[in-house]
Amino acid sequence: QVQFVESGGGLVQPGGSLRLSCAASGIIFSDYAMEWYRQAPGNQRELVASITTGGSTSYLDSVKGRFTISRDNARNTVDLQMNRLKPEDTAIYYCKARRLNRRYWGQGTQVTVSS
């Protein structure tokens, strides 16, 4: 059974930091590119960051220099370190695994940036 468990969301003040983690099971994790998406109320889901099987990363322009995606193939986890958070980063964050025609999503974790 394929399963993704996300953690690390919460309420943080502007300028603060959070680290999201997504633990995968039921797949050969190292074979999958991993991605973090987010969806704010009334908005479409958008790709925030991705990391390939080889470790190459890419980011949404608005988070470059503030967010860092990383993966640990030994632990089957992908993390998203988020620094200098802004109110506009408020959203539900989802991890996704992608390989060829296979897509798996996590259940999402809420991130709220507010004073």
Protein backbone atom coordinates (compact mmCIF):
# COMPACT_ATOMS: atom_id res chain seq x y z
CA GLN A 1 0.00 0.00 0.00
CA VAL A 2 1.37 3.37 -1.06
CA GLN A 3 1.25 5.94 1.71
CA PHE A 4 2.62 9.42 2.31
CA VAL A 5 2.56 11.05 5.71
CA GLU A 6 3.27 14.77 5.91
CA SER A 7 4.18 16.62 9.06
CA GLY A 8 5.62 19.90 10.26
CA GLY A 9 2.88 22.35 9.38
CA GLY A 10 1.49 24.89 11.80
CA LEU A 11 1.11 28.54 12.67
CA VAL A 12 4.15 30.80 12.41
CA GLN A 13 4.73 34.53 12.48
CA PRO A 14 5.94 36.38 9.38
CA GLY A 15 9.69 36.01 9.07
CA GLY A 16 9.66 32.68 10.86
CA SER A 17 10.60 29.19 9.69
CA LEU A 18 8.99 25.79 9.37
CA ARG A 19 10.28 22.46 8.13
CA LEU A 20 7.83 20.14 6.39
CA SER A 21 8.55 16.45 6.07
CA CYS A 22 6.93 13.76 3.94
CA ALA A 23 7.56 10.09 4.72
CA ALA A 24 6.82 7.62 1.94
CA SER A 25 6.10 3.91 2.07
CA GLY A 26 5.02 1.32 -0.45
CA ILE A 27 7.20 2.60 -3.30
CA ILE A 28 10.84 2.41 -4.30
CA PHE A 29 11.43 5.95 -3.13
CA SER A 30 14.73 6.49 -4.93
CA ASP A 31 13.02 5.86 -8.29
CA TYR A 32 10.65 8.81 -7.89
CA ALA A 33 11.02 12.52 -8.41
CA MET A 34 9.51 14.29 -5.41
CA GLU A 35 7.59 17.55 -5.38
CA TRP A 36 5.94 19.94 -2.95
CA TYR A 37 2.78 21.73 -4.03
CA ARG A 38 0.59 24.19 -2.20
CA GLN A 39 -2.97 25.38 -2.50
CA ALA A 40 -4.37 28.50 -0.90
CA PRO A 41 -8.14 29.08 -0.58
CA GLY A 42 -9.60 30.13 -3.92
CA ASN A 43 -6.36 29.40 -5.77
CA GLN A 44 -5.17 26.58 -7.97
CA ARG A 45 -2.65 24.13 -6.65
CA GLU A 46 0.85 25.26 -7.60
CA LEU A 47 4.23 23.55 -7.74
CA VAL A 48 6.53 25.00 -5.10
CA ALA A 49 9.67 22.87 -5.35
CA SER A 50 10.85 19.66 -6.92
CA ILE A 51 13.83 17.33 -6.63
CA THR A 52 14.80 14.70 -9.17
CA THR A 53 16.09 11.22 -8.48
CA GLY A 54 19.56 12.61 -9.05
CA GLY A 55 19.10 15.46 -6.59
CA SER A 56 18.57 18.36 -8.99
CA THR A 57 16.18 20.96 -7.59
CA SER A 58 13.89 23.66 -8.94
CA TYR A 59 11.69 26.26 -7.25
CA LEU A 60 8.77 28.55 -7.77
CA ASP A 61 10.17 32.05 -8.34
CA SER A 62 8.45 33.49 -5.28
CA VAL A 63 10.16 31.03 -2.91
CA LYS A 64 13.66 30.99 -4.40
CA GLY A 65 16.25 31.80 -1.78
CA ARG A 66 13.80 31.12 1.06
CA PHE A 67 12.77 27.47 0.61
CA THR A 68 15.00 24.41 0.26
CA ILE A 69 13.87 20.95 -0.80
CA SER A 70 15.92 17.90 0.14
CA ARG A 71 15.53 14.15 0.10
CA ASP A 72 16.90 11.24 2.10
CA ASN A 73 16.60 8.01 0.15
CA ALA A 74 17.72 5.95 3.13
CA ARG A 75 14.81 7.23 5.22
CA ASN A 76 12.33 7.59 2.31
CA THR A 77 11.67 11.20 3.18
CA VAL A 78 11.51 14.52 1.39
CA ASP A 79 11.70 17.75 3.36
CA LEU A 80 10.89 21.37 2.63
CA GLN A 81 12.75 23.91 4.75
CA MET A 82 10.87 27.20 4.65
CA ASN A 83 12.58 30.37 5.92
CA ARG A 84 11.54 34.03 6.00
CA LEU A 85 7.92 33.01 5.67
CA LYS A 86 5.37 35.50 4.40
CA PRO A 87 1.58 35.66 4.83
CA GLU A 88 1.21 34.78 1.15
CA ASP A 89 2.88 31.43 1.87
CA THR A 90 -0.24 30.42 3.79
CA ALA A 91 -1.68 27.29 2.17
CA ILE A 92 -2.10 23.56 2.45
CA TYR A 93 1.15 21.95 1.38
CA TYR A 94 1.18 18.57 -0.36
CA CYS A 95 3.99 16.23 -1.29
CA LYS A 96 3.82 14.29 -4.51
CA ALA A 97 5.81 11.40 -5.96
CA ARG A 98 6.18 11.22 -9.72
CA ARG A 99 7.60 8.52 -11.99
CA LEU A 100 6.61 7.94 -15.61
CA ASN A 101 2.79 7.71 -15.55
CA ARG A 102 2.53 7.21 -11.77
CA ARG A 103 1.52 9.98 -9.40
CA TYR A 104 0.99 9.71 -5.65
CA TRP A 105 -0.13 12.51 -3.33
CA GLY A 106 0.08 13.06 0.38
CA GLN A 107 -2.90 14.23 2.42
CA GLY A 108 -1.58 17.75 2.95
CA THR A 109 -0.45 19.81 5.92
CA GLN A 110 -1.64 23.32 6.77
CA VAL A 111 0.84 26.18 6.94
CA THR A 112 -0.45 29.49 8.29
CA VAL A 113 1.74 32.58 8.40
CA SER A 114 0.15 35.27 10.52
CA SER A 115 0.92 37.66 13.34
